[in-house]
Amino acid sequence: MATRLGIAVLVFMMVQAVLFGIGALLVLATPLSEWAMALMPWVVGISTVVSIPLSWILAPRLRLRYWRARERRNTLRRA
């Protein structure tokens, strides 16, 4: 559990940065830019809230144990 939490925290920062960038582009590069001052806090909040469960879901997939088990399953299917 502690390992998953640690990985999730590291992944959270990257996922949140990507989601924030997408949201900022949507706000600033479209006609929504007129309301950018009001919408940017929403972009920050929504990207944070969405990033938490997404990083928790991604964390186990970044462990070597997951990839070994996946490789074994694929090897058994091929045989």
PDB file of N, CA and C in Angstrom:
ATOM      1  N   MET A   1       0.825  -1.194   0.000  1.00  0.00           N
ATOM      2  CA  MET A   1       0.000   0.000   0.000  1.00  0.00           C
ATOM      3  C   MET A   1       0.872   1.263   0.000  1.00  0.00           C
ATOM      4  N   ALA A   2       1.941   1.263   0.779  1.00  0.00           N
ATOM      5  CA  ALA A   2       2.809   2.438   0.828  1.00  0.00           C
ATOM      6  C   ALA A   2       3.525   2.653  -0.497  1.00  0.00           C
ATOM      7  N   THR A   3       3.886   1.557  -1.161  1.00  0.00           N
ATOM      8  CA  THR A   3       4.551   1.681  -2.455  1.00  0.00           C
ATOM      9  C   THR A   3       3.589   2.250  -3.486  1.00  0.00           C
ATOM     10  N   ARG A   4       2.367   1.756  -3.467  1.00  0.00           N
ATOM     11  CA  ARG A   4       1.372   2.266  -4.424  1.00  0.00           C
ATOM     12  C   ARG A   4       1.105   3.747  -4.181  1.00  0.00           C
ATOM     13  N   LEU A   5       1.030   4.142  -2.918  1.00  0.00           N
ATOM     14  CA  LEU A   5       0.801   5.544  -2.588  1.00  0.00           C
ATOM     15  C   LEU A   5       1.953   6.410  -3.071  1.00  0.00           C
ATOM     16  N   GLY A   6       3.173   5.948  -2.853  1.00  0.00           N
ATOM     17  CA  GLY A   6       4.335   6.711  -3.297  1.00  0.00           C
ATOM     18  C   GLY A   6       4.374   6.882  -4.807  1.00  0.00           C
ATOM     19  N   ILE A   7       4.090   5.804  -5.522  1.00  0.00           N
ATOM     20  CA  ILE A   7       4.057   5.883  -6.981  1.00  0.00           C
ATOM     21  C   ILE A   7       2.920   6.793  -7.422  1.00  0.00           C
ATOM     22  N   ALA A   8       1.766   6.677  -6.765  1.00  0.00           N
ATOM     23  CA  ALA A   8       0.608   7.504  -7.127  1.00  0.00           C
ATOM     24  C   ALA A   8       0.898   8.985  -6.925  1.00  0.00           C
ATOM     25  N   VAL A   9       1.633   9.326  -5.870  1.00  0.00           N
ATOM     26  CA  VAL A   9       1.974  10.731  -5.626  1.00  0.00           C
ATOM     27  C   VAL A   9       2.875  11.258  -6.737  1.00  0.00           C
ATOM     28  N   LEU A  10       3.851  10.468  -7.141  1.00  0.00           N
ATOM     29  CA  LEU A  10       4.735  10.898  -8.226  1.00  0.00           C
ATOM     30  C   LEU A  10       3.986  11.006  -9.551  1.00  0.00           C
ATOM     31  N   VAL A  11       3.133  10.046  -9.817  1.00  0.00           N
ATOM     32  CA  VAL A  11       2.361  10.062 -11.060  1.00  0.00           C
ATOM     33  C   VAL A  11       1.342  11.202 -11.035  1.00  0.00           C
ATOM     34  N   PHE A  12       0.794  11.495  -9.864  1.00  0.00           N
ATOM     35  CA  PHE A  12      -0.193  12.567  -9.732  1.00  0.00           C
ATOM     36  C   PHE A  12       0.336  13.883 -10.276  1.00  0.00           C
ATOM     37  N   MET A  13       1.568  14.200  -9.937  1.00  0.00           N
ATOM     38  CA  MET A  13       2.125  15.477 -10.378  1.00  0.00           C
ATOM     39  C   MET A  13       2.193  15.561 -11.896  1.00  0.00           C
ATOM     40  N   MET A  14       2.586  14.474 -12.536  1.00  0.00           N
ATOM     41  CA  MET A  14       2.687  14.471 -13.993  1.00  0.00           C
ATOM     42  C   MET A  14       1.320  14.480 -14.658  1.00  0.00           C
ATOM     43  N   VAL A  15       0.407  13.690 -14.130  1.00  0.00           N
ATOM     44  CA  VAL A  15      -0.944  13.631 -14.703  1.00  0.00           C
ATOM     45  C   VAL A  15      -1.635  14.978 -14.544  1.00  0.00           C
ATOM     46  N   GLN A  16      -1.484  15.594 -13.399  1.00  0.00           N
ATOM     47  CA  GLN A  16      -2.123  16.879 -13.167  1.00  0.00           C
ATOM     48  C   GLN A  16      -1.540  17.956 -14.077  1.00  0.00           C
ATOM     49  N   ALA A  17      -0.232  17.908 -14.312  1.00  0.00           N
ATOM     50  CA  ALA A  17       0.384  18.880 -15.213  1.00  0.00           C
ATOM     51  C   ALA A  17      -0.169  18.739 -16.629  1.00  0.00           C
ATOM     52  N   VAL A  18      -0.330  17.518 -17.089  1.00  0.00           N
ATOM     53  CA  VAL A  18      -0.857  17.293 -18.439  1.00  0.00           C
ATOM     54  C   VAL A  18      -2.312  17.742 -18.523  1.00  0.00           C
ATOM     55  N   LEU A  19      -3.120  17.363 -17.547  1.00  0.00           N
ATOM     56  CA  LEU A  19      -4.529  17.768 -17.568  1.00  0.00           C
ATOM     57  C   LEU A  19      -4.683  19.279 -17.448  1.00  0.00           C
ATOM     58  N   PHE A  20      -3.853  19.905 -16.624  1.00  0.00           N
ATOM     59  CA  PHE A  20      -3.901  21.352 -16.510  1.00  0.00           C
ATOM     60  C   PHE A  20      -3.523  22.004 -17.840  1.00  0.00           C
ATOM     61  N   GLY A  21      -2.502  21.482 -18.505  1.00  0.00           N
ATOM     62  CA  GLY A  21      -2.093  22.034 -19.793  1.00  0.00           C
ATOM     63  C   GLY A  21      -3.192  21.926 -20.833  1.00  0.00           C
ATOM     64  N   ILE A  22      -3.859  20.782 -20.866  1.00  0.00           N
ATOM     65  CA  ILE A  22      -4.976  20.610 -21.807  1.00  0.00           C
ATOM     66  C   ILE A  22      -6.095  21.599 -21.487  1.00  0.00           C
ATOM     67  N   GLY A  23      -6.426  21.712 -20.209  1.00  0.00           N
ATOM     68  CA  GLY A  23      -7.475  22.655 -19.805  1.00  0.00           C
ATOM     69  C   GLY A  23      -7.102  24.091 -20.088  1.00  0.00           C
ATOM     70  N   ALA A  24      -5.856  24.461 -19.834  1.00  0.00           N
ATOM     71  CA  ALA A  24      -5.419  25.833 -20.095  1.00  0.00           C
ATOM     72  C   ALA A  24      -5.477  26.139 -21.587  1.00  0.00           C
ATOM     73  N   LEU A  25      -5.069  25.182 -22.412  1.00  0.00           N
ATOM     74  CA  LEU A  25      -5.162  25.392 -23.861  1.00  0.00           C
ATOM     75  C   LEU A  25      -6.609  25.548 -24.306  1.00  0.00           C
ATOM     76  N   LEU A  26      -7.488  24.733 -23.754  1.00  0.00           N
ATOM     77  CA  LEU A  26      -8.900  24.852 -24.115  1.00  0.00           C
ATOM     78  C   LEU A  26      -9.477  26.210 -23.734  1.00  0.00           C
ATOM     79  N   VAL A  27      -9.043  26.730 -22.612  1.00  0.00           N
ATOM     80  CA  VAL A  27      -9.560  28.028 -22.171  1.00  0.00           C
ATOM     81  C   VAL A  27      -8.902  29.170 -22.937  1.00  0.00           C
ATOM     82  N   LEU A  28      -7.600  29.132 -23.086  1.00  0.00           N
ATOM     83  CA  LEU A  28      -6.879  30.273 -23.637  1.00  0.00           C
ATOM     84  C   LEU A  28      -6.836  30.322 -25.160  1.00  0.00           C
ATOM     85  N   ALA A  29      -7.009  29.204 -25.828  1.00  0.00           N
ATOM     86  CA  ALA A  29      -6.904  29.179 -27.289  1.00  0.00           C
ATOM     87  C   ALA A  29      -8.262  29.115 -27.978  1.00  0.00           C
ATOM     88  N   THR A  30      -9.321  29.328 -27.251  1.00  0.00           N
ATOM     89  CA  THR A  30     -10.666  29.305 -27.817  1.00  0.00           C
ATOM     90  C   THR A  30     -11.368  30.607 -27.434  1.00  0.00           C
ATOM     91  N   PRO A  31     -12.566  30.810 -27.920  1.00  0.00           N
ATOM     92  CA  PRO A  31     -13.303  32.025 -27.513  1.00  0.00           C
ATOM     93  C   PRO A  31     -13.570  32.112 -26.005  1.00  0.00           C
ATOM     94  N   LEU A  32     -13.295  31.040 -25.278  1.00  0.00           N
ATOM     95  CA  LEU A  32     -13.449  31.088 -23.822  1.00  0.00           C
ATOM     96  C   LEU A  32     -12.427  32.001 -23.152  1.00  0.00           C
ATOM     97  N   SER A  33     -11.448  32.471 -23.909  1.00  0.00           N
ATOM     98  CA  SER A  33     -10.400  33.316 -23.321  1.00  0.00           C
ATOM     99  C   SER A  33     -10.962  34.615 -22.734  1.00  0.00           C
ATOM    100  N   GLU A  34     -12.141  35.013 -23.175  1.00  0.00           N
ATOM    101  CA  GLU A  34     -12.763  36.206 -22.592  1.00  0.00           C
ATOM    102  C   GLU A  34     -13.063  36.000 -21.109  1.00  0.00           C
ATOM    103  N   TRP A  35     -13.316  34.753 -20.723  1.00  0.00           N
ATOM    104  CA  TRP A  35     -13.631  34.431 -19.329  1.00  0.00           C
ATOM    105  C   TRP A  35     -12.485  33.695 -18.643  1.00  0.00           C
ATOM    106  N   ALA A  36     -11.286  33.891 -19.125  1.00  0.00           N
ATOM    107  CA  ALA A  36     -10.134  33.145 -18.601  1.00  0.00           C
ATOM    108  C   ALA A  36      -9.909  33.381 -17.107  1.00  0.00           C
ATOM    109  N   MET A  37     -10.074  34.586 -16.657  1.00  0.00           N
ATOM    110  CA  MET A  37      -9.843  34.876 -15.238  1.00  0.00           C
ATOM    111  C   MET A  37     -10.820  34.104 -14.345  1.00  0.00           C
ATOM    112  N   ALA A  38     -12.000  33.857 -14.822  1.00  0.00           N
ATOM    113  CA  ALA A  38     -12.980  33.115 -14.028  1.00  0.00           C
ATOM    114  C   ALA A  38     -12.828  31.604 -14.221  1.00  0.00           C
ATOM    115  N   LEU A  39     -12.382  31.172 -15.400  1.00  0.00           N
ATOM    116  CA  LEU A  39     -12.330  29.750 -15.705  1.00  0.00           C
ATOM    117  C   LEU A  39     -11.037  29.064 -15.247  1.00  0.00           C
ATOM    118  N   MET A  40      -9.941  29.780 -15.170  1.00  0.00           N
ATOM    119  CA  MET A  40      -8.660  29.138 -14.816  1.00  0.00           C
ATOM    120  C   MET A  40      -8.675  28.506 -13.425  1.00  0.00           C
ATOM    121  N   PRO A  41      -9.274  29.125 -12.412  1.00  0.00           N
ATOM    122  CA  PRO A  41      -9.368  28.411 -11.124  1.00  0.00           C
ATOM    123  C   PRO A  41     -10.150  27.099 -11.237  1.00  0.00           C
ATOM    124  N   TRP A  42     -11.160  27.078 -12.093  1.00  0.00           N
ATOM    125  CA  TRP A  42     -11.909  25.845 -12.331  1.00  0.00           C
ATOM    126  C   TRP A  42     -11.040  24.793 -13.009  1.00  0.00           C
ATOM    127  N   VAL A  43     -10.205  25.229 -13.934  1.00  0.00           N
ATOM    128  CA  VAL A  43      -9.298  24.298 -14.616  1.00  0.00           C
ATOM    129  C   VAL A  43      -8.346  23.671 -13.600  1.00  0.00           C
ATOM    130  N   VAL A  44      -7.816  24.477 -12.710  1.00  0.00           N
ATOM    131  CA  VAL A  44      -6.906  23.962 -11.681  1.00  0.00           C
ATOM    132  C   VAL A  44      -7.629  22.960 -10.786  1.00  0.00           C
ATOM    133  N   GLY A  45      -8.814  23.309 -10.334  1.00  0.00           N
ATOM    134  CA  GLY A  45      -9.564  22.423  -9.438  1.00  0.00           C
ATOM    135  C   GLY A  45      -9.985  21.122 -10.097  1.00  0.00           C
ATOM    136  N   ILE A  46     -10.499  21.219 -11.308  1.00  0.00           N
ATOM    137  CA  ILE A  46     -10.951  20.017 -12.007  1.00  0.00           C
ATOM    138  C   ILE A  46      -9.776  19.109 -12.345  1.00  0.00           C
ATOM    139  N   SER A  47      -8.651  19.702 -12.776  1.00  0.00           N
ATOM    140  CA  SER A  47      -7.488  18.865 -13.096  1.00  0.00           C
ATOM    141  C   SER A  47      -6.955  18.168 -11.848  1.00  0.00           C
ATOM    142  N   THR A  48      -7.023  18.821 -10.709  1.00  0.00           N
ATOM    143  CA  THR A  48      -6.581  18.196  -9.462  1.00  0.00           C
ATOM    144  C   THR A  48      -7.505  17.054  -9.063  1.00  0.00           C
ATOM    145  N   VAL A  49      -8.803  17.295  -9.113  1.00  0.00           N
ATOM    146  CA  VAL A  49      -9.776  16.286  -8.702  1.00  0.00           C
ATOM    147  C   VAL A  49      -9.739  15.063  -9.620  1.00  0.00           C
ATOM    148  N   VAL A  50      -9.579  15.273 -10.916  1.00  0.00           N
ATOM    149  CA  VAL A  50      -9.537  14.153 -11.864  1.00  0.00           C
ATOM    150  C   VAL A  50      -8.210  13.402 -11.756  1.00  0.00           C
ATOM    151  N   SER A  51      -7.136  14.100 -11.439  1.00  0.00           N
ATOM    152  CA  SER A  51      -5.814  13.480 -11.375  1.00  0.00           C
ATOM    153  C   SER A  51      -5.658  12.515 -10.212  1.00  0.00           C
ATOM    154  N   ILE A  52      -6.342  12.747  -9.135  1.00  0.00           N
ATOM    155  CA  ILE A  52      -6.202  11.883  -7.947  1.00  0.00           C
ATOM    156  C   ILE A  52      -6.620  10.442  -8.251  1.00  0.00           C
ATOM    157  N   PRO A  53      -7.847  10.186  -8.709  1.00  0.00           N
ATOM    158  CA  PRO A  53      -8.192   8.783  -8.983  1.00  0.00           C
ATOM    159  C   PRO A  53      -7.433   8.209 -10.182  1.00  0.00           C
ATOM    160  N   LEU A  54      -7.144   9.047 -11.159  1.00  0.00           N
ATOM    161  CA  LEU A  54      -6.417   8.559 -12.328  1.00  0.00           C
ATOM    162  C   LEU A  54      -5.015   8.091 -11.959  1.00  0.00           C
ATOM    163  N   SER A  55      -4.328   8.831 -11.106  1.00  0.00           N
ATOM    164  CA  SER A  55      -2.987   8.417 -10.693  1.00  0.00           C
ATOM    165  C   SER A  55      -3.043   7.179  -9.798  1.00  0.00           C
ATOM    166  N   TRP A  56      -4.097   7.038  -8.997  1.00  0.00           N
ATOM    167  CA  TRP A  56      -4.253   5.848  -8.154  1.00  0.00           C
ATOM    168  C   TRP A  56      -4.471   4.607  -9.023  1.00  0.00           C
ATOM    169  N   ILE A  57      -5.192   4.756 -10.123  1.00  0.00           N
ATOM    170  CA  ILE A  57      -5.429   3.644 -11.044  1.00  0.00           C
ATOM    171  C   ILE A  57      -4.155   3.286 -11.809  1.00  0.00           C
ATOM    172  N   LEU A  58      -3.378   4.275 -12.187  1.00  0.00           N
ATOM    173  CA  LEU A  58      -2.161   4.031 -12.971  1.00  0.00           C
ATOM    174  C   LEU A  58      -1.008   3.464 -12.146  1.00  0.00           C
ATOM    175  N   ALA A  59      -0.953   3.740 -10.864  1.00  0.00           N
ATOM    176  CA  ALA A  59       0.188   3.370 -10.032  1.00  0.00           C
ATOM    177  C   ALA A  59       0.541   1.885 -10.052  1.00  0.00           C
ATOM    178  N   PRO A  60      -0.408   0.958  -9.904  1.00  0.00           N
ATOM    179  CA  PRO A  60      -0.011  -0.462  -9.904  1.00  0.00           C
ATOM    180  C   PRO A  60       0.572  -0.913 -11.243  1.00  0.00           C
ATOM    181  N   ARG A  61       0.184  -0.269 -12.322  1.00  0.00           N
ATOM    182  CA  ARG A  61       0.682  -0.652 -13.639  1.00  0.00           C
ATOM    183  C   ARG A  61       2.135  -0.258 -13.850  1.00  0.00           C
ATOM    184  N   LEU A  62       2.668   0.535 -12.964  1.00  0.00           N
ATOM    185  CA  LEU A  62       4.061   0.962 -13.075  1.00  0.00           C
ATOM    186  C   LEU A  62       5.001   0.104 -12.239  1.00  0.00           C
ATOM    187  N   ARG A  63       4.478  -0.927 -11.606  1.00  0.00           N
ATOM    188  CA  ARG A  63       5.313  -1.822 -10.806  1.00  0.00           C
ATOM    189  C   ARG A  63       5.766  -3.004 -11.641  1.00  0.00           C
ATOM    190  N   LEU A  64       6.958  -3.472 -11.376  1.00  0.00           N
ATOM    191  CA  LEU A  64       7.522  -4.588 -12.117  1.00  0.00           C
ATOM    192  C   LEU A  64       6.687  -5.853 -11.937  1.00  0.00           C
ATOM    193  N   ARG A  65       6.095  -6.040 -10.775  1.00  0.00           N
ATOM    194  CA  ARG A  65       5.285  -7.217 -10.505  1.00  0.00           C
ATOM    195  C   ARG A  65       4.132  -7.326 -11.506  1.00  0.00           C
ATOM    196  N   TYR A  66       3.520  -6.203 -11.832  1.00  0.00           N
ATOM    197  CA  TYR A  66       2.419  -6.186 -12.795  1.00  0.00           C
ATOM    198  C   TYR A  66       2.898  -6.650 -14.172  1.00  0.00           C
ATOM    199  N   TRP A  67       4.036  -6.150 -14.599  1.00  0.00           N
ATOM    200  CA  TRP A  67       4.536  -6.492 -15.941  1.00  0.00           C
ATOM    201  C   TRP A  67       4.983  -7.941 -16.023  1.00  0.00           C
ATOM    202  N   ARG A  68       5.549  -8.479 -14.935  1.00  0.00           N
ATOM    203  CA  ARG A  68       5.934  -9.900 -14.930  1.00  0.00           C
ATOM    204  C   ARG A  68       4.704 -10.788 -15.060  1.00  0.00           C
ATOM    205  N   ALA A  69       3.663 -10.475 -14.296  1.00  0.00           N
ATOM    206  CA  ALA A  69       2.430 -11.270 -14.355  1.00  0.00           C
ATOM    207  C   ALA A  69       1.795 -11.156 -15.732  1.00  0.00           C
ATOM    208  N   ARG A  70       1.812  -9.995 -16.286  1.00  0.00           N
ATOM    209  CA  ARG A  70       1.250  -9.791 -17.624  1.00  0.00           C
ATOM    210  C   ARG A  70       2.033 -10.570 -18.670  1.00  0.00           C
ATOM    211  N   GLU A  71       3.343 -10.577 -18.547  1.00  0.00           N
ATOM    212  CA  GLU A  71       4.186 -11.317 -19.486  1.00  0.00           C
ATOM    213  C   GLU A  71       3.918 -12.814 -19.390  1.00  0.00           C
ATOM    214  N   ARG A  72       3.744 -13.322 -18.167  1.00  0.00           N
ATOM    215  CA  ARG A  72       3.431 -14.741 -17.987  1.00  0.00           C
ATOM    216  C   ARG A  72       2.099 -15.103 -18.637  1.00  0.00           C
ATOM    217  N   ARG A  73       1.098 -14.256 -18.458  1.00  0.00           N
ATOM    218  CA  ARG A  73      -0.209 -14.526 -19.063  1.00  0.00           C
ATOM    219  C   ARG A  73      -0.104 -14.546 -20.586  1.00  0.00           C
ATOM    220  N   ASN A  74       0.643 -13.612 -21.157  1.00  0.00           N
ATOM    221  CA  ASN A  74       0.796 -13.565 -22.612  1.00  0.00           C
ATOM    222  C   ASN A  74       1.559 -14.766 -23.123  1.00  0.00           C
ATOM    223  N   THR A  75       2.562 -15.221 -22.384  1.00  0.00           N
ATOM    224  CA  THR A  75       3.340 -16.386 -22.789  1.00  0.00           C
ATOM    225  C   THR A  75       2.469 -17.640 -22.780  1.00  0.00           C
ATOM    226  N   LEU A  76       1.618 -17.778 -21.766  1.00  0.00           N
ATOM    227  CA  LEU A  76       0.718 -18.921 -21.685  1.00  0.00           C
ATOM    228  C   LEU A  76      -0.316 -18.926 -22.809  1.00  0.00           C
ATOM    229  N   ARG A  77      -0.758 -17.762 -23.223  1.00  0.00           N
ATOM    230  CA  ARG A  77      -1.738 -17.673 -24.297  1.00  0.00           C
ATOM    231  C   ARG A  77      -1.138 -18.095 -25.639  1.00  0.00           C
ATOM    232  N   ARG A  78       0.105 -17.743 -25.844  1.00  0.00           N
ATOM    233  CA  ARG A  78       0.777 -18.057 -27.109  1.00  0.00           C
ATOM    234  C   ARG A  78       1.051 -19.557 -27.251  1.00  0.00           C
ATOM    235  N   ALA A  79       1.312 -20.214 -26.136  1.00  0.00           N
ATOM    236  CA  ALA A  79       1.679 -21.630 -26.168  1.00  0.00           C
ATOM    237  C   ALA A  79       0.524 -22.543 -26.489  1.00  0.00           C
TER     238      ALA A  79
END
